[in-house]
Amino acid sequence: MSMITTTGWVRRGVAAQFPTKYEIDEKEMDRISKLARMQLEEAQGDLKAAQEGAGEDDEMEEDSNEGADASKAATEGKDDDDDLKEYDLDHYDSDEVDEDGEKITMFGNVQSLAYHQPNEEDPYLVIPEEEADEDREELQIMPTDNLILAGKLEDEVAHLEVYVYEDREANLYVHHDIMLPAIPLCLEWLDIPVGKAAEGKTSGNFVAIGTMEPDIEIWDLDVVDCMYPNAILGQGGDDAEKPSKKKKKSKANENFHVDSILALSANRQHRNLLASASADRTVKLWDLNTTKCAKSYSHHTDKVCALDWHPRESTVLLSGSYDRTIVAADMRSPDAKARWGVDADVENVRWDVHDPNYFYVTTDGGMVYRYDARNLPATPAESKPVWSLQAHDESVSAFDVNGSIPGFIVTGSTDKQVKLWNVENDRPSMVVSRKLEVGKVFSTAFAPDPEVGFRLAVAGSKGVVQVWDTSTNAAVRRAFGSRLPGLEGEVQERMVGLQADQDESDDDGGAPEMGAGGQDGWESMEEDA
């Protein structure tokens, strides 16, 4: 089983050109030991509780079966003795002897070991300089490269894959990965150093990851093979200097989440603020400088699954929930909020970056709505969108607004289709509909850099990422060419991706073989704008 649940881009020139290999010093080892101790104590508490529960049930059966068990044990014990006799376990720890009759001890061959003076390097532990240079070059990330982050579940192992996307060479490959504690559900790139790496730095290349667990992990993307996150937002991040045996609370509270993290949104103007939404029905605001929860909000009556900060009004946050409402609230005065209603569970919410008076909502019913934030309904039931669109027959599970081209949006669905739309002048029309062989579509995201703004990363239930250069699609060029002269004329369409696992079971069969720039194996359905 393999699937990608969430993706995100890192803009060009942000990643370190030569990421560093993770090294453990005494201070880091001490930090890891304390984190590991906390996890061990928590696991031991869970095990003890489970054993106590099971012990009560076992006692009830023990008396009634005592006679039969004793007889059976006597018979089996004799058989076991015969089976184990051949291994001579009574003398398993006796010293062996060599050909001369001398005992062989643990350090019996110490004379044959190589000895090095205190300041002399052991050649077996020193990497040759040429090999170190090769490793360094393999990790190199060019200033013209983008990173693509993908939260992945593969064979019941959860991890974050960090891809390098080379646009000029039409190449996509996995640079490194990060092990995660549970299925990833959302991620958000951060440009501010967090945790132990924050000292003396003002910018960075970090990612916050939300999973089925209630804690948010923050990792440094410029460090390879790291063992533990730089910081943990939540109960697991509470004062690591004092490991705690406390059981995780089940009730929502003001300090940390108690259920899965469903959405994350970083405030790009107040860079130290990160908003999180959870299945515990709360939205929390985190101060990344202190890694503590600054404020908790209870605007919804069901799971909160979508968040987006206003592009200009930096304290206004949009949130969407399974309670079928969308709330826009100023975090400085959360009681003053506006609420809109839809007819199905909310999947995504997004401000229109080209005109932030408007925002989009997608739902589990396959609908896309565009609302004017200035038109406040008296009740959620009286909400009137500027327009509504039945984009898919199934849930619109993925959505994005192109940051470079006004009126250019994308929808992805569990019906396995990706659709590009032209919604200019509030007249939505489909430009292209396509199956990109990623299975059910869980994530669609346009690249953040204007020079590659037409690149679209798509991922889903087959566990592969495809990067579609939509500017090479004929229908897209016709729809948006008048606004971008560079899109005139016809070119060969380009898709960059990794080959799907041929053993994956899916309704559509295995994904076609597709290398960089390949197009074989899939067919397009295009409509003129």
Protein backbone atom coordinates (compact mmCIF):
# COMPACT_ATOMS: atom_id res chain seq x y z
CA MET A 1 0.00 0.00 0.00
CA SER A 2 1.33 3.42 -0.92
CA MET A 3 -0.27 6.85 -1.02
CA ILE A 4 0.65 10.51 -0.82
CA THR A 5 -1.77 12.54 1.26
CA THR A 6 -0.27 16.03 1.11
CA THR A 7 2.31 18.00 -0.89
CA GLY A 8 3.94 21.42 -0.84
CA TRP A 9 6.52 23.43 -2.78
CA VAL A 10 9.67 25.19 -1.59
CA ARG A 11 10.53 28.17 -3.73
CA ARG A 12 13.85 28.48 -5.56
CA GLY A 13 17.00 29.68 -3.84
CA VAL A 14 15.81 28.87 -0.31
CA ALA A 15 17.35 25.45 0.26
CA ALA A 16 21.01 25.22 1.23
CA GLN A 17 23.11 24.42 -1.83
CA PHE A 18 24.94 21.74 0.15
CA PRO A 19 22.64 20.31 2.89
CA THR A 20 24.55 19.08 5.93
CA LYS A 21 24.67 15.53 7.21
CA TYR A 22 23.15 15.10 10.64
CA GLU A 23 25.81 14.82 13.35
CA ILE A 24 25.26 14.07 17.02
CA ASP A 25 27.17 16.09 19.59
CA GLU A 26 26.86 15.74 23.35
CA LYS A 27 24.12 18.37 23.62
CA GLU A 28 22.07 16.79 20.83
CA MET A 29 22.49 13.31 22.29
CA ASP A 30 21.21 14.60 25.62
CA ARG A 31 18.15 16.13 23.92
CA ILE A 32 17.40 12.92 21.99
CA SER A 33 17.82 10.80 25.12
CA LYS A 34 15.25 12.88 26.98
CA LEU A 35 12.79 12.73 24.10
CA ALA A 36 13.26 8.98 23.81
CA ARG A 37 12.79 8.57 27.56
CA MET A 38 9.51 10.46 27.43
CA GLN A 39 8.27 8.25 24.60
CA LEU A 40 9.38 5.09 26.40
CA GLU A 41 7.67 6.06 29.64
CA GLU A 42 4.47 6.83 27.77
CA ALA A 43 4.62 3.48 25.93
CA GLN A 44 5.27 1.66 29.22
CA GLY A 45 2.25 3.36 30.76
CA ASP A 46 0.06 2.29 27.86
CA LEU A 47 1.40 -1.27 28.08
CA LYS A 48 0.81 -1.46 31.83
CA ALA A 49 -2.77 -0.26 31.42
CA ALA A 50 -3.37 -2.84 28.70
CA GLN A 51 -1.86 -5.64 30.80
CA GLU A 52 -3.96 -4.73 33.83
CA GLY A 53 -7.08 -4.86 31.67
CA ALA A 54 -6.10 -8.20 30.17
CA GLY A 55 -5.07 -9.58 33.57
CA GLU A 56 -8.56 -9.23 34.99
CA ASP A 57 -9.98 -11.31 32.14
CA ASP A 58 -7.30 -13.98 32.49
CA GLU A 59 -7.96 -14.50 36.22
CA MET A 60 -11.56 -15.47 35.52
CA GLU A 61 -10.49 -18.25 33.16
CA GLU A 62 -7.52 -19.44 35.19
CA ASP A 63 -9.39 -21.28 37.95
CA SER A 64 -11.72 -23.20 35.63
CA ASN A 65 -8.88 -24.41 33.42
CA GLU A 66 -6.25 -25.06 36.10
CA GLY A 67 -6.53 -28.85 36.17
CA ALA A 68 -6.49 -29.30 32.41
CA ASP A 69 -3.61 -26.84 31.98
CA ALA A 70 -1.45 -28.66 34.55
CA SER A 71 -1.85 -31.98 32.78
CA LYS A 72 -1.18 -30.46 29.39
CA ALA A 73 1.88 -28.59 30.65
CA ALA A 74 3.42 -31.77 32.04
CA THR A 75 3.10 -33.53 28.70
CA GLU A 76 4.38 -30.60 26.68
CA GLY A 77 7.24 -30.00 29.11
CA LYS A 78 8.65 -33.48 28.48
CA ASP A 79 8.50 -32.93 24.70
CA ASP A 80 10.22 -29.57 25.04
CA ASP A 81 13.06 -31.09 27.06
CA ASP A 82 13.74 -33.60 24.30
CA ASP A 83 13.68 -30.92 21.61
CA LEU A 84 16.05 -28.59 23.45
CA LYS A 85 18.54 -31.26 24.52
CA GLU A 86 20.34 -31.09 21.17
CA TYR A 87 21.22 -27.42 21.74
CA ASP A 88 23.03 -28.15 25.04
CA LEU A 89 21.68 -24.96 26.62
CA ASP A 90 23.02 -25.96 30.04
CA HIS A 91 26.51 -25.07 28.80
CA TYR A 92 25.70 -22.20 26.46
CA ASP A 93 27.85 -19.74 28.39
CA SER A 94 30.88 -21.96 28.86
CA ASP A 95 34.18 -20.75 27.40
CA GLU A 96 35.24 -22.30 24.11
CA VAL A 97 38.75 -23.67 23.64
CA ASP A 98 41.07 -23.38 20.64
CA GLU A 99 43.17 -26.07 18.98
CA ASP A 100 45.83 -25.82 21.71
CA GLY A 101 43.30 -26.21 24.47
CA GLU A 102 43.43 -22.52 25.46
CA LYS A 103 40.20 -20.81 26.43
CA ILE A 104 38.80 -18.30 23.95
CA THR A 105 37.52 -15.27 25.81
CA MET A 106 35.83 -12.08 24.70
CA PHE A 107 39.18 -10.28 24.39
CA GLY A 108 41.21 -13.35 23.51
CA ASN A 109 42.33 -11.92 20.17
CA VAL A 110 43.23 -8.47 21.48
CA GLN A 111 46.83 -8.83 20.35
CA SER A 112 45.73 -8.99 16.72
CA LEU A 113 43.84 -5.70 16.92
CA ALA A 114 45.36 -2.60 15.32
CA TYR A 115 46.41 0.12 17.75
CA HIS A 116 46.46 3.84 16.98
CA GLN A 117 48.24 6.58 18.85
CA PRO A 118 45.94 9.16 20.57
CA ASN A 119 46.30 11.72 17.75
CA GLU A 120 46.40 9.18 14.92
CA GLU A 121 43.36 8.72 12.67
CA ASP A 122 41.83 5.27 12.22
CA PRO A 123 41.75 4.65 8.45
CA TYR A 124 38.61 2.54 8.84
CA LEU A 125 36.69 5.44 10.36
CA VAL A 126 37.92 8.25 8.10
CA ILE A 127 36.10 8.77 4.82
CA PRO A 128 38.51 9.40 1.96
CA GLU A 129 38.37 12.99 0.78
CA GLU A 130 37.31 12.07 -2.76
CA GLU A 131 34.36 10.00 -1.43
CA ALA A 132 33.29 12.86 0.85
CA ASP A 133 33.31 15.22 -2.14
CA GLU A 134 31.16 12.77 -4.15
CA ASP A 135 28.62 12.51 -1.33
CA ARG A 136 28.53 16.30 -1.06
CA GLU A 137 27.89 16.70 -4.80
CA GLU A 138 25.07 14.13 -4.69
CA LEU A 139 23.29 16.25 -2.08
CA GLN A 140 23.80 19.51 -3.99
CA ILE A 141 20.71 21.62 -4.70
CA MET A 142 21.06 24.31 -7.34
CA PRO A 143 19.55 27.82 -6.93
CA THR A 144 17.30 27.10 -9.93
CA ASP A 145 15.86 23.95 -8.30
CA ASN A 146 12.60 23.70 -6.41
CA LEU A 147 11.93 21.29 -3.59
CA ILE A 148 8.65 19.40 -3.50
CA LEU A 149 7.56 17.94 -0.15
CA ALA A 150 5.30 14.89 -0.08
CA GLY A 151 3.74 13.26 2.98
CA LYS A 152 3.68 9.55 2.19
CA LEU A 153 2.44 6.27 3.63
CA GLU A 154 4.25 3.26 2.17
CA ASP A 155 3.86 -0.29 3.47
CA GLU A 156 2.49 1.10 6.75
CA VAL A 157 5.57 3.32 7.18
CA ALA A 158 4.91 7.06 7.32
CA HIS A 159 7.53 9.48 6.07
CA LEU A 160 8.11 12.79 4.30
CA GLU A 161 9.81 12.56 0.91
CA VAL A 162 11.84 15.60 -0.14
CA TYR A 163 12.07 15.80 -3.94
CA VAL A 164 14.30 18.00 -6.06
CA TYR A 165 12.57 19.35 -9.18
CA GLU A 166 14.93 20.50 -11.96
CA ASP A 167 12.73 22.37 -14.39
CA ARG A 168 15.26 22.91 -17.17
CA GLU A 169 16.27 19.24 -17.24
CA ALA A 170 12.66 18.07 -16.69
CA ASN A 171 13.88 15.92 -13.81
CA LEU A 172 12.32 14.90 -10.50
CA TYR A 173 14.06 12.74 -7.89
CA VAL A 174 13.96 11.98 -4.16
CA HIS A 175 16.71 13.87 -2.32
CA HIS A 176 16.11 12.48 1.17
CA ASP A 177 13.26 11.48 3.44
CA ILE A 178 12.16 12.00 7.05
CA MET A 179 10.51 9.33 9.19
CA LEU A 180 7.20 10.34 10.78
CA PRO A 181 5.30 8.97 13.79
CA ALA A 182 1.95 8.55 12.01
CA ILE A 183 0.12 9.06 8.71
CA PRO A 184 0.83 12.63 7.48
CA LEU A 185 -2.26 14.71 6.82
CA CYS A 186 -0.94 18.21 6.13
CA LEU A 187 2.30 20.18 5.88
CA GLU A 188 3.40 23.80 5.70
CA TRP A 189 6.75 25.22 4.66
CA LEU A 190 8.32 27.70 7.11
CA ASP A 191 10.98 30.32 6.40
CA ILE A 192 11.75 30.93 10.07
CA PRO A 193 14.19 28.83 12.12
CA VAL A 194 12.46 26.91 14.90
CA GLY A 195 13.76 25.09 17.95
CA LYS A 196 17.42 24.23 18.49
CA ALA A 197 18.47 25.65 15.09
CA ALA A 198 16.98 29.09 15.69
CA GLU A 199 19.92 30.56 17.60
CA GLY A 200 21.51 33.43 15.70
CA LYS A 201 19.46 32.84 12.51
CA THR A 202 16.71 34.96 10.96
CA SER A 203 15.69 32.72 8.04
CA GLY A 204 15.62 29.05 7.29
CA ASN A 205 14.15 26.14 5.37
CA PHE A 206 11.81 24.22 7.65
CA VAL A 207 8.58 22.26 7.41
CA ALA A 208 5.75 21.79 9.91
CA ILE A 209 3.96 18.45 9.60
CA GLY A 210 0.57 17.45 10.96
CA THR A 211 -0.28 13.75 11.33
CA MET A 212 -2.85 11.44 12.88
CA GLU A 213 -1.08 12.22 16.15
CA PRO A 214 -2.03 15.43 18.05
CA ASP A 215 1.49 16.90 18.00
CA ILE A 216 3.02 19.01 15.18
CA GLU A 217 6.59 18.20 14.24
CA ILE A 218 8.98 20.79 12.76
CA TRP A 219 12.00 19.61 10.76
CA ASP A 220 15.00 21.35 9.21
CA LEU A 221 15.00 20.56 5.48
CA ASP A 222 18.67 21.53 5.15
CA VAL A 223 19.77 18.64 7.37
CA VAL A 224 19.85 15.10 5.98
CA ASP A 225 19.36 11.90 8.04
CA CYS A 226 18.12 13.73 11.12
CA MET A 227 16.72 11.45 13.84
CA TYR A 228 14.37 13.75 15.76
CA PRO A 229 12.48 16.95 14.85
CA ASN A 230 13.88 20.35 15.75
CA ALA A 231 10.74 21.14 17.70
CA ILE A 232 7.40 19.60 18.65
CA LEU A 233 4.31 21.77 19.07
CA GLY A 234 1.96 20.13 21.52
CA GLN A 235 2.01 17.98 24.62
CA GLY A 236 5.02 16.04 23.34
CA GLY A 237 6.93 19.31 23.17
CA ASP A 238 6.30 20.28 26.77
CA ASP A 239 9.50 20.97 28.73
CA ALA A 240 11.78 18.18 27.54
CA GLU A 241 14.02 18.85 30.53
CA LYS A 242 11.37 17.24 32.76
CA PRO A 243 10.14 13.99 31.23
CA SER A 244 6.56 13.37 32.29
CA LYS A 245 4.56 10.21 32.93
CA LYS A 246 1.24 11.99 32.46
CA LYS A 247 -1.34 10.38 30.22
CA LYS A 248 -2.43 12.38 27.20
CA LYS A 249 -5.64 14.22 27.91
CA SER A 250 -8.71 13.39 25.85
CA LYS A 251 -10.54 16.70 26.27
CA ALA A 252 -9.82 19.79 24.19
CA ASN A 253 -7.86 22.43 26.09
CA GLU A 254 -6.10 25.77 25.66
CA ASN A 255 -2.53 24.49 25.45
CA PHE A 256 -2.29 21.68 22.89
CA HIS A 257 -4.32 19.55 20.50
CA VAL A 258 -5.69 16.19 21.59
CA ASP A 259 -6.59 14.75 18.18
CA SER A 260 -5.29 14.57 14.59
CA ILE A 261 -3.91 17.69 12.91
CA LEU A 262 -5.92 18.31 9.72
CA ALA A 263 -4.60 21.66 8.46
CA LEU A 264 -1.70 24.08 8.93
CA SER A 265 -1.23 27.65 7.72
CA ALA A 266 1.83 29.87 8.24
CA ASN A 267 1.40 33.63 8.54
CA ARG A 268 3.76 35.13 5.93
CA GLN A 269 3.67 38.63 7.46
CA HIS A 270 3.98 37.66 11.13
CA ARG A 271 6.46 34.89 10.43
CA ASN A 272 6.50 33.50 13.96
CA LEU A 273 2.78 32.60 13.83
CA LEU A 274 1.51 29.19 12.72
CA ALA A 275 -2.17 28.25 12.80
CA SER A 276 -3.30 24.64 13.16
CA ALA A 277 -6.70 22.97 12.82
CA SER A 278 -7.61 19.70 14.44
CA ALA A 279 -10.18 16.94 14.69
CA ASP A 280 -10.59 18.10 18.31
CA ARG A 281 -12.69 20.98 16.83
CA THR A 282 -10.25 23.72 17.81
CA VAL A 283 -7.93 26.10 15.95
CA LYS A 284 -4.70 26.95 17.70
CA LEU A 285 -2.20 29.74 17.16
CA TRP A 286 1.44 28.85 17.86
CA ASP A 287 4.34 31.21 18.57
CA LEU A 288 7.28 29.60 16.79
CA ASN A 289 9.75 31.65 18.82
CA THR A 290 8.66 29.91 22.02
CA THR A 291 7.05 26.79 20.46
CA LYS A 292 4.07 27.37 22.76
CA CYS A 293 0.37 27.75 22.02
CA ALA A 294 -0.46 31.46 22.14
CA LYS A 295 -4.23 31.14 21.74
CA SER A 296 -6.94 28.55 21.17
CA TYR A 297 -10.22 29.13 19.32
CA SER A 298 -13.46 27.14 19.27
CA HIS A 299 -15.32 28.55 16.28
CA HIS A 300 -16.68 25.22 15.06
CA THR A 301 -18.77 22.32 16.35
CA ASP A 302 -17.07 19.57 14.33
CA LYS A 303 -13.62 18.72 12.95
CA VAL A 304 -11.76 21.75 11.55
CA CYS A 305 -10.10 20.67 8.30
CA ALA A 306 -9.03 23.79 6.36
CA LEU A 307 -7.19 27.06 7.10
CA ASP A 308 -5.86 30.06 5.17
CA TRP A 309 -4.48 33.41 6.32
CA HIS A 310 -5.69 36.54 4.53
CA PRO A 311 -3.00 37.73 2.05
CA ARG A 312 -3.21 41.38 3.20
CA GLU A 313 -5.14 41.57 6.48
CA SER A 314 -2.49 39.63 8.31
CA THR A 315 -4.53 38.85 11.43
CA VAL A 316 -7.61 37.47 9.64
CA LEU A 317 -7.84 33.69 9.42
CA LEU A 318 -10.27 31.66 7.31
CA SER A 319 -11.30 28.22 8.66
CA GLY A 320 -13.54 25.48 7.30
CA SER A 321 -15.13 22.57 9.13
CA TYR A 322 -17.13 19.37 8.86
CA ASP A 323 -19.91 21.36 10.55
CA ARG A 324 -20.44 22.76 7.03
CA THR A 325 -19.51 26.32 7.92
CA ILE A 326 -16.65 28.68 7.05
CA VAL A 327 -15.50 31.32 9.54
CA ALA A 328 -13.43 34.44 8.91
CA ALA A 329 -12.17 35.86 12.22
CA ASP A 330 -9.65 38.43 13.34
CA MET A 331 -7.34 36.60 15.73
CA ARG A 332 -7.00 39.76 17.84
CA SER A 333 -10.75 39.80 18.55
CA PRO A 334 -12.05 36.31 17.71
CA ASP A 335 -15.55 37.06 18.99
CA ALA A 336 -16.03 39.35 15.99
CA LYS A 337 -16.36 36.79 13.21
CA ALA A 338 -18.31 36.16 10.04
CA ARG A 339 -19.78 32.76 9.19
CA TRP A 340 -20.94 31.24 5.91
CA GLY A 341 -22.67 27.91 5.33
CA VAL A 342 -22.51 25.24 2.61
CA ASP A 343 -24.53 22.07 1.98
CA ALA A 344 -21.76 19.48 2.54
CA ASP A 345 -18.59 18.96 4.57
CA VAL A 346 -15.89 21.52 3.76
CA GLU A 347 -12.72 20.16 2.11
CA ASN A 348 -10.66 23.29 1.29
CA VAL A 349 -10.79 27.07 1.84
CA ARG A 350 -8.60 29.55 0.01
CA TRP A 351 -8.43 33.34 -0.32
CA ASP A 352 -8.16 34.71 -3.85
CA VAL A 353 -4.63 36.15 -3.78
CA HIS A 354 -5.44 38.40 -6.76
CA ASP A 355 -8.50 39.94 -5.05
CA PRO A 356 -8.61 39.07 -1.32
CA ASN A 357 -12.15 40.40 -0.98
CA TYR A 358 -13.12 36.94 -2.23
CA PHE A 359 -12.47 33.38 -1.12
CA TYR A 360 -13.11 29.87 -2.46
CA VAL A 361 -14.62 26.84 -0.74
CA THR A 362 -14.67 23.25 -1.98
CA THR A 363 -16.86 20.52 -0.51
CA ASP A 364 -17.26 16.79 -0.17
CA GLY A 365 -20.23 17.08 -2.53
CA GLY A 366 -18.03 18.03 -5.49
CA MET A 367 -18.87 21.75 -5.37
CA VAL A 368 -16.69 24.86 -5.64
CA TYR A 369 -18.04 28.16 -4.28
CA ARG A 370 -16.74 31.70 -4.56
CA TYR A 371 -17.85 34.12 -1.83
CA ASP A 372 -17.51 37.87 -1.36
CA ALA A 373 -16.21 38.35 2.18
CA ARG A 374 -17.87 41.77 2.32
CA ASN A 375 -21.35 40.26 1.97
CA LEU A 376 -22.03 38.89 5.43
CA PRO A 377 -25.09 36.60 5.74
CA ALA A 378 -27.47 37.02 8.65
CA THR A 379 -27.23 33.26 9.21
CA PRO A 380 -25.06 30.58 7.57
CA ALA A 381 -28.15 29.16 5.87
CA GLU A 382 -28.63 32.49 4.03
CA SER A 383 -25.13 32.46 2.49
CA LYS A 384 -25.13 33.43 -1.18
CA PRO A 385 -22.01 32.73 -3.24
CA VAL A 386 -20.92 34.89 -6.15
CA TRP A 387 -21.04 31.67 -8.17
CA SER A 388 -21.16 27.95 -7.55
CA LEU A 389 -19.77 25.15 -9.69
CA GLN A 390 -20.39 21.40 -9.72
CA ALA A 391 -16.75 20.64 -10.49
CA HIS A 392 -16.75 16.88 -9.82
CA ASP A 393 -19.18 14.06 -9.08
CA GLU A 394 -17.18 13.17 -5.98
CA SER A 395 -15.35 15.13 -3.28
CA VAL A 396 -13.17 18.07 -4.36
CA SER A 397 -10.34 16.83 -2.16
CA ALA A 398 -7.65 19.09 -3.67
CA PHE A 399 -7.69 22.72 -4.74
CA ASP A 400 -5.31 25.58 -5.52
CA VAL A 401 -5.28 29.11 -6.92
CA ASN A 402 -2.52 30.02 -9.35
CA GLY A 403 -0.50 32.86 -7.84
CA SER A 404 0.75 34.17 -11.19
CA ILE A 405 -2.37 34.12 -13.41
CA PRO A 406 -5.65 35.69 -12.17
CA GLY A 407 -8.65 33.45 -12.72
CA PHE A 408 -6.62 30.22 -13.06
CA ILE A 409 -7.62 27.52 -10.53
CA VAL A 410 -7.26 23.75 -10.26
CA THR A 411 -9.47 21.10 -8.67
CA GLY A 412 -8.62 17.50 -7.86
CA SER A 413 -11.06 14.82 -6.78
CA THR A 414 -11.42 11.33 -5.43
CA ASP A 415 -12.90 10.57 -8.87
CA LYS A 416 -9.18 10.56 -9.95
CA GLN A 417 -9.54 13.58 -12.22
CA VAL A 418 -7.65 16.87 -12.22
CA LYS A 419 -9.43 19.83 -13.83
CA LEU A 420 -8.08 23.24 -14.77
CA TRP A 421 -10.55 26.15 -14.78
CA ASN A 422 -10.72 29.69 -16.12
CA VAL A 423 -12.90 31.69 -13.71
CA GLU A 424 -12.05 35.15 -15.04
CA ASN A 425 -14.91 37.67 -14.83
CA ASP A 426 -16.82 35.25 -12.57
CA ARG A 427 -17.67 33.02 -15.50
CA PRO A 428 -16.14 29.63 -14.65
CA SER A 429 -15.37 27.35 -17.58
CA MET A 430 -13.34 24.16 -17.71
CA VAL A 431 -10.12 24.30 -19.71
CA VAL A 432 -8.79 20.74 -19.31
CA SER A 433 -9.91 17.55 -17.57
CA ARG A 434 -7.38 14.77 -17.15
CA LYS A 435 -6.46 11.66 -15.23
CA LEU A 436 -2.78 11.86 -14.34
CA GLU A 437 -2.45 8.26 -13.09
CA VAL A 438 -1.95 9.22 -9.44
CA GLY A 439 -5.12 7.45 -8.29
CA LYS A 440 -7.56 9.38 -6.14
CA VAL A 441 -6.26 12.95 -6.09
CA PHE A 442 -5.39 14.16 -2.60
CA SER A 443 -3.20 17.15 -3.40
CA THR A 444 -2.75 19.73 -6.17
CA ALA A 445 -0.35 22.66 -5.79
CA PHE A 446 1.01 25.29 -8.18
CA ALA A 447 4.70 26.23 -7.93
CA PRO A 448 5.30 29.46 -5.94
CA ASP A 449 7.87 31.04 -8.30
CA PRO A 450 6.49 33.21 -11.14
CA GLU A 451 8.99 31.80 -13.65
CA VAL A 452 7.59 28.28 -13.05
CA GLY A 453 4.12 29.35 -11.94
CA PHE A 454 2.40 27.05 -14.45
CA ARG A 455 3.99 23.93 -12.92
CA LEU A 456 1.44 21.88 -11.04
CA ALA A 457 2.33 19.11 -8.57
CA VAL A 458 -0.35 16.40 -8.28
CA ALA A 459 -0.34 13.37 -5.96
CA GLY A 460 -2.75 10.81 -4.60
CA SER A 461 -3.59 7.25 -3.65
CA LYS A 462 -0.99 5.58 -5.91
CA GLY A 463 1.88 7.13 -3.96
CA VAL A 464 3.47 9.04 -6.85
CA VAL A 465 3.98 12.73 -7.61
CA GLN A 466 3.49 14.12 -11.11
CA VAL A 467 4.61 17.64 -12.09
CA TRP A 468 2.56 18.92 -15.01
CA ASP A 469 3.84 21.92 -16.95
CA THR A 470 0.37 23.24 -17.74
CA SER A 471 1.81 26.00 -19.92
CA THR A 472 2.62 23.33 -22.52
CA ASN A 473 -1.02 22.22 -22.76
CA ALA A 474 -2.74 23.47 -25.93
CA ALA A 475 -6.04 24.33 -24.22
CA VAL A 476 -4.26 26.26 -21.44
CA ARG A 477 -2.28 28.22 -24.01
CA ARG A 478 -5.48 29.16 -25.81
CA ALA A 479 -7.27 30.12 -22.60
CA PHE A 480 -4.53 32.26 -21.04
CA GLY A 481 -2.30 33.18 -24.00
CA SER A 482 -3.88 36.60 -24.42
CA ARG A 483 -2.69 37.55 -20.94
CA LEU A 484 0.75 36.01 -21.36
CA PRO A 485 2.28 36.54 -24.82
CA GLY A 486 4.87 33.86 -24.08
CA LEU A 487 2.15 31.21 -24.38
CA GLU A 488 1.53 31.79 -28.06
CA GLY A 489 1.90 28.87 -30.48
CA GLU A 490 1.95 25.11 -29.97
CA VAL A 491 4.61 23.15 -28.05
CA GLN A 492 5.07 19.56 -26.97
CA GLU A 493 3.27 18.90 -23.69
CA ARG A 494 5.49 18.08 -20.73
CA MET A 495 4.90 15.90 -17.68
CA VAL A 496 7.60 15.00 -15.16
CA GLY A 497 7.17 12.23 -12.65
CA LEU A 498 8.43 9.06 -11.03
CA GLN A 499 7.23 5.67 -12.19
CA ALA A 500 4.46 4.21 -10.06
CA ASP A 501 4.88 0.86 -8.33
CA GLN A 502 3.63 -1.68 -10.84
CA ASP A 503 2.43 -3.92 -8.02
CA GLU A 504 0.04 -1.30 -6.69
CA SER A 505 -3.56 -2.46 -6.85
CA ASP A 506 -5.90 0.17 -8.21
CA ASP A 507 -9.11 0.30 -10.18
CA ASP A 508 -7.25 1.70 -13.13
CA GLY A 509 -4.45 -0.86 -13.04
CA GLY A 510 -0.78 0.00 -12.74
CA ALA A 511 0.42 3.44 -13.69
CA PRO A 512 2.06 3.74 -17.09
CA GLU A 513 5.80 3.99 -17.40
CA MET A 514 6.60 7.67 -17.59
CA GLY A 515 10.04 9.19 -17.41
CA ALA A 516 10.98 12.84 -17.48
CA GLY A 517 9.00 14.58 -20.16
CA GLY A 518 7.13 11.40 -21.10
CA GLN A 519 3.50 11.33 -22.12
CA ASP A 520 2.85 7.71 -23.09
CA GLY A 521 0.12 5.79 -21.33
CA TRP A 522 -2.40 8.53 -20.62
CA GLU A 523 -4.92 10.32 -22.73
CA SER A 524 -6.22 13.86 -22.47
CA MET A 525 -9.70 15.23 -22.65
CA GLU A 526 -9.53 18.87 -23.61
CA GLU A 527 -12.17 21.49 -24.00
CA ASP A 528 -11.67 24.87 -25.57
CA ALA A 529 -11.96 27.70 -23.12
